[in-house]
Amino acid sequence: MTERVLPELEAFQPDLILISAGFDAHRDDPLAEIALEEADFVWITRKLMDAADRHAEGRLVSLLEGGYDLTALARSSAAHVRALMDH
């Protein structure tokens, strides 16, 4: 995120940010080996909201894509939505 995604997002300066909120990168998900936790998804969400504030007048849309461990999906989705609401 810090080396590729966020710098590219800053360079592009979008008018709208769309989040494909998939949580299969969670450490408990059986298909991915990325090993993110809820706090990581919150951090990513906040960074994307900050970019939306800077470049898109706060315009941001988040769409749930899923995950395969239902408990991790529930916790991660809730953390993501809380971060969106706390902004």
N, C-alpha and C. Protein backbone atom coordinates (compact mmCIF):
# COMPACT_ATOMS: atom_id res chain seq x y z
N MET A 1 0.82 -1.20 0.00
CA MET A 1 0.00 0.00 0.00
C MET A 1 0.86 1.25 0.00
N THR A 2 1.86 1.29 0.87
CA THR A 2 2.65 2.51 0.99
C THR A 2 3.64 2.69 -0.17
N GLU A 3 4.07 1.60 -0.77
CA GLU A 3 5.06 1.70 -1.83
C GLU A 3 4.46 1.83 -3.23
N ARG A 4 3.26 1.26 -3.43
CA ARG A 4 2.71 1.26 -4.79
C ARG A 4 1.33 1.90 -4.88
N VAL A 5 0.38 1.39 -4.10
CA VAL A 5 -1.02 1.81 -4.27
C VAL A 5 -1.22 3.28 -3.91
N LEU A 6 -0.82 3.67 -2.72
CA LEU A 6 -1.05 5.06 -2.31
C LEU A 6 -0.29 6.07 -3.15
N PRO A 7 0.98 5.84 -3.51
CA PRO A 7 1.65 6.79 -4.41
C PRO A 7 0.97 6.89 -5.78
N GLU A 8 0.51 5.77 -6.32
CA GLU A 8 -0.20 5.81 -7.61
C GLU A 8 -1.52 6.56 -7.48
N LEU A 9 -2.21 6.36 -6.36
CA LEU A 9 -3.46 7.07 -6.12
C LEU A 9 -3.21 8.58 -6.04
N GLU A 10 -2.16 8.98 -5.36
CA GLU A 10 -1.82 10.40 -5.25
C GLU A 10 -1.48 10.98 -6.62
N ALA A 11 -0.76 10.23 -7.42
CA ALA A 11 -0.39 10.72 -8.75
C ALA A 11 -1.61 10.84 -9.66
N PHE A 12 -2.54 9.93 -9.53
CA PHE A 12 -3.72 9.92 -10.39
C PHE A 12 -4.73 11.00 -10.00
N GLN A 13 -4.85 11.30 -8.71
CA GLN A 13 -5.78 12.31 -8.19
C GLN A 13 -7.21 12.06 -8.68
N PRO A 14 -7.83 10.99 -8.24
CA PRO A 14 -9.15 10.62 -8.76
C PRO A 14 -10.25 11.57 -8.31
N ASP A 15 -11.34 11.59 -9.08
CA ASP A 15 -12.52 12.36 -8.73
C ASP A 15 -13.46 11.57 -7.83
N LEU A 16 -13.26 10.27 -7.77
CA LEU A 16 -14.07 9.36 -6.97
C LEU A 16 -13.21 8.15 -6.64
N ILE A 17 -13.31 7.65 -5.43
CA ILE A 17 -12.59 6.43 -5.05
C ILE A 17 -13.61 5.34 -4.79
N LEU A 18 -13.43 4.21 -5.46
CA LEU A 18 -14.25 3.03 -5.26
C LEU A 18 -13.42 1.98 -4.53
N ILE A 19 -13.94 1.48 -3.44
CA ILE A 19 -13.26 0.44 -2.68
C ILE A 19 -13.95 -0.89 -2.94
N SER A 20 -13.21 -1.83 -3.42
CA SER A 20 -13.68 -3.21 -3.52
C SER A 20 -13.29 -3.87 -2.20
N ALA A 21 -14.20 -3.84 -1.24
CA ALA A 21 -13.88 -4.24 0.14
C ALA A 21 -13.96 -5.76 0.27
N GLY A 22 -12.89 -6.40 -0.12
CA GLY A 22 -12.77 -7.84 0.05
C GLY A 22 -11.84 -8.12 1.22
N PHE A 23 -12.21 -9.09 2.01
CA PHE A 23 -11.44 -9.36 3.22
C PHE A 23 -10.81 -10.74 3.20
N ASP A 24 -10.57 -11.25 2.01
CA ASP A 24 -9.91 -12.55 1.91
C ASP A 24 -8.40 -12.45 2.13
N ALA A 25 -7.91 -11.25 2.36
CA ALA A 25 -6.50 -11.07 2.72
C ALA A 25 -6.29 -11.23 4.23
N HIS A 26 -7.36 -11.52 4.96
CA HIS A 26 -7.28 -11.68 6.42
C HIS A 26 -6.46 -12.92 6.76
N ARG A 27 -5.75 -12.86 7.87
CA ARG A 27 -4.89 -13.98 8.28
C ARG A 27 -5.65 -15.27 8.52
N ASP A 28 -6.95 -15.18 8.86
CA ASP A 28 -7.74 -16.39 9.10
C ASP A 28 -8.41 -16.93 7.85
N ASP A 29 -8.29 -16.23 6.74
CA ASP A 29 -8.94 -16.67 5.51
C ASP A 29 -8.16 -17.85 4.92
N PRO A 30 -8.86 -18.89 4.50
CA PRO A 30 -8.16 -20.09 4.03
C PRO A 30 -7.53 -19.96 2.63
N LEU A 31 -7.89 -18.94 1.87
CA LEU A 31 -7.40 -18.87 0.49
C LEU A 31 -6.19 -17.96 0.29
N ALA A 32 -6.01 -16.98 1.13
CA ALA A 32 -4.91 -16.03 0.94
C ALA A 32 -3.83 -16.25 1.98
N GLU A 33 -2.67 -15.76 1.68
CA GLU A 33 -1.55 -15.87 2.61
C GLU A 33 -0.98 -14.49 2.93
N ILE A 34 -1.82 -13.47 2.88
CA ILE A 34 -1.36 -12.10 3.10
C ILE A 34 -1.30 -11.78 4.58
N ALA A 35 -2.20 -12.34 5.38
CA ALA A 35 -2.17 -12.26 6.85
C ALA A 35 -2.46 -10.88 7.42
N LEU A 36 -3.41 -10.17 6.82
CA LEU A 36 -3.83 -8.90 7.41
C LEU A 36 -4.77 -9.14 8.57
N GLU A 37 -4.88 -8.14 9.43
CA GLU A 37 -5.80 -8.19 10.57
C GLU A 37 -6.76 -7.01 10.45
N GLU A 38 -7.75 -6.96 11.33
CA GLU A 38 -8.75 -5.90 11.28
C GLU A 38 -8.11 -4.52 11.30
N ALA A 39 -7.11 -4.34 12.13
CA ALA A 39 -6.44 -3.04 12.23
C ALA A 39 -5.81 -2.63 10.90
N ASP A 40 -5.35 -3.59 10.12
CA ASP A 40 -4.78 -3.29 8.81
C ASP A 40 -5.86 -2.76 7.86
N PHE A 41 -7.03 -3.38 7.90
CA PHE A 41 -8.13 -2.91 7.05
C PHE A 41 -8.59 -1.52 7.46
N VAL A 42 -8.59 -1.25 8.75
CA VAL A 42 -8.94 0.10 9.24
C VAL A 42 -7.92 1.10 8.73
N TRP A 43 -6.65 0.79 8.82
CA TRP A 43 -5.59 1.69 8.35
C TRP A 43 -5.77 1.98 6.86
N ILE A 44 -6.01 0.93 6.07
CA ILE A 44 -6.19 1.10 4.63
C ILE A 44 -7.42 1.97 4.36
N THR A 45 -8.50 1.70 5.06
CA THR A 45 -9.73 2.49 4.88
C THR A 45 -9.47 3.96 5.17
N ARG A 46 -8.78 4.25 6.25
CA ARG A 46 -8.50 5.64 6.61
C ARG A 46 -7.61 6.32 5.57
N LYS A 47 -6.63 5.60 5.06
CA LYS A 47 -5.76 6.18 4.02
C LYS A 47 -6.56 6.50 2.76
N LEU A 48 -7.47 5.62 2.39
CA LEU A 48 -8.28 5.87 1.20
C LEU A 48 -9.25 7.03 1.43
N MET A 49 -9.80 7.14 2.64
CA MET A 49 -10.68 8.27 2.94
C MET A 49 -9.90 9.58 2.91
N ASP A 50 -8.68 9.57 3.42
CA ASP A 50 -7.84 10.78 3.36
C ASP A 50 -7.59 11.20 1.92
N ALA A 51 -7.31 10.21 1.07
CA ALA A 51 -7.09 10.52 -0.36
C ALA A 51 -8.37 11.05 -0.99
N ALA A 52 -9.51 10.48 -0.62
CA ALA A 52 -10.79 10.97 -1.16
C ALA A 52 -11.02 12.41 -0.72
N ASP A 53 -10.66 12.75 0.50
CA ASP A 53 -10.81 14.13 0.97
C ASP A 53 -9.92 15.09 0.17
N ARG A 54 -8.70 14.66 -0.11
CA ARG A 54 -7.75 15.52 -0.81
C ARG A 54 -8.10 15.71 -2.28
N HIS A 55 -8.57 14.66 -2.92
CA HIS A 55 -8.69 14.69 -4.38
C HIS A 55 -10.13 14.62 -4.91
N ALA A 56 -11.05 14.09 -4.12
CA ALA A 56 -12.38 13.78 -4.65
C ALA A 56 -13.50 14.41 -3.83
N GLU A 57 -13.18 15.47 -3.10
CA GLU A 57 -14.18 16.13 -2.26
C GLU A 57 -14.89 15.13 -1.35
N GLY A 58 -14.14 14.13 -0.88
CA GLY A 58 -14.67 13.14 0.04
C GLY A 58 -15.48 12.03 -0.60
N ARG A 59 -15.60 12.04 -1.93
CA ARG A 59 -16.42 11.03 -2.61
C ARG A 59 -15.71 9.68 -2.59
N LEU A 60 -16.37 8.73 -1.93
CA LEU A 60 -15.82 7.39 -1.78
C LEU A 60 -17.00 6.42 -1.67
N VAL A 61 -16.91 5.32 -2.39
CA VAL A 61 -17.93 4.28 -2.35
C VAL A 61 -17.24 2.98 -2.00
N SER A 62 -17.81 2.23 -1.06
CA SER A 62 -17.26 0.95 -0.67
C SER A 62 -18.29 -0.15 -0.96
N LEU A 63 -17.85 -1.19 -1.66
CA LEU A 63 -18.70 -2.32 -2.01
C LEU A 63 -18.11 -3.59 -1.40
N LEU A 64 -18.93 -4.33 -0.69
CA LEU A 64 -18.47 -5.57 -0.07
C LEU A 64 -18.22 -6.62 -1.15
N GLU A 65 -17.02 -7.15 -1.16
CA GLU A 65 -16.66 -8.21 -2.09
C GLU A 65 -16.66 -9.57 -1.41
N GLY A 66 -16.25 -9.63 -0.16
CA GLY A 66 -16.33 -10.91 0.55
C GLY A 66 -15.05 -11.34 1.19
N GLY A 67 -15.04 -12.57 1.54
CA GLY A 67 -13.99 -13.27 2.24
C GLY A 67 -14.54 -14.66 2.53
N TYR A 68 -13.68 -15.59 2.91
CA TYR A 68 -14.12 -16.98 2.99
C TYR A 68 -14.15 -17.51 4.41
N ASP A 69 -13.58 -16.81 5.36
CA ASP A 69 -13.74 -17.16 6.76
C ASP A 69 -14.81 -16.22 7.30
N LEU A 70 -15.98 -16.75 7.62
CA LEU A 70 -17.11 -15.89 7.95
C LEU A 70 -16.89 -15.06 9.21
N THR A 71 -16.19 -15.60 10.19
CA THR A 71 -15.91 -14.84 11.40
C THR A 71 -14.97 -13.67 11.10
N ALA A 72 -13.91 -13.94 10.36
CA ALA A 72 -12.97 -12.89 9.98
C ALA A 72 -13.65 -11.86 9.08
N LEU A 73 -14.51 -12.32 8.19
CA LEU A 73 -15.25 -11.42 7.31
C LEU A 73 -16.14 -10.49 8.13
N ALA A 74 -16.83 -11.03 9.11
CA ALA A 74 -17.70 -10.20 9.95
C ALA A 74 -16.91 -9.16 10.73
N ARG A 75 -15.79 -9.58 11.34
CA ARG A 75 -14.97 -8.64 12.12
C ARG A 75 -14.35 -7.58 11.23
N SER A 76 -13.85 -7.98 10.07
CA SER A 76 -13.19 -7.05 9.17
C SER A 76 -14.19 -6.07 8.56
N SER A 77 -15.35 -6.57 8.17
CA SER A 77 -16.39 -5.69 7.62
C SER A 77 -16.83 -4.67 8.65
N ALA A 78 -17.02 -5.12 9.88
CA ALA A 78 -17.44 -4.20 10.95
C ALA A 78 -16.37 -3.14 11.20
N ALA A 79 -15.12 -3.54 11.21
CA ALA A 79 -14.03 -2.59 11.44
C ALA A 79 -13.97 -1.57 10.30
N HIS A 80 -14.14 -2.05 9.08
CA HIS A 80 -14.14 -1.17 7.90
C HIS A 80 -15.28 -0.15 7.97
N VAL A 81 -16.47 -0.62 8.29
CA VAL A 81 -17.63 0.28 8.36
C VAL A 81 -17.48 1.28 9.50
N ARG A 82 -16.95 0.83 10.65
CA ARG A 82 -16.70 1.75 11.76
C ARG A 82 -15.73 2.84 11.33
N ALA A 83 -14.68 2.47 10.61
CA ALA A 83 -13.71 3.47 10.14
C ALA A 83 -14.39 4.45 9.20
N LEU A 84 -15.26 3.98 8.34
CA LEU A 84 -15.99 4.88 7.44
C LEU A 84 -16.88 5.83 8.23
N MET A 85 -17.52 5.32 9.25
CA MET A 85 -18.45 6.13 10.04
C MET A 85 -17.73 7.12 10.94
N ASP A 86 -16.52 6.78 11.39
CA ASP A 86 -15.78 7.65 12.32
C ASP A 86 -15.11 8.82 11.62
N HIS A 87 -15.10 8.81 10.32
CA HIS A 87 -14.37 9.84 9.56
C HIS A 87 -15.09 11.17 9.62
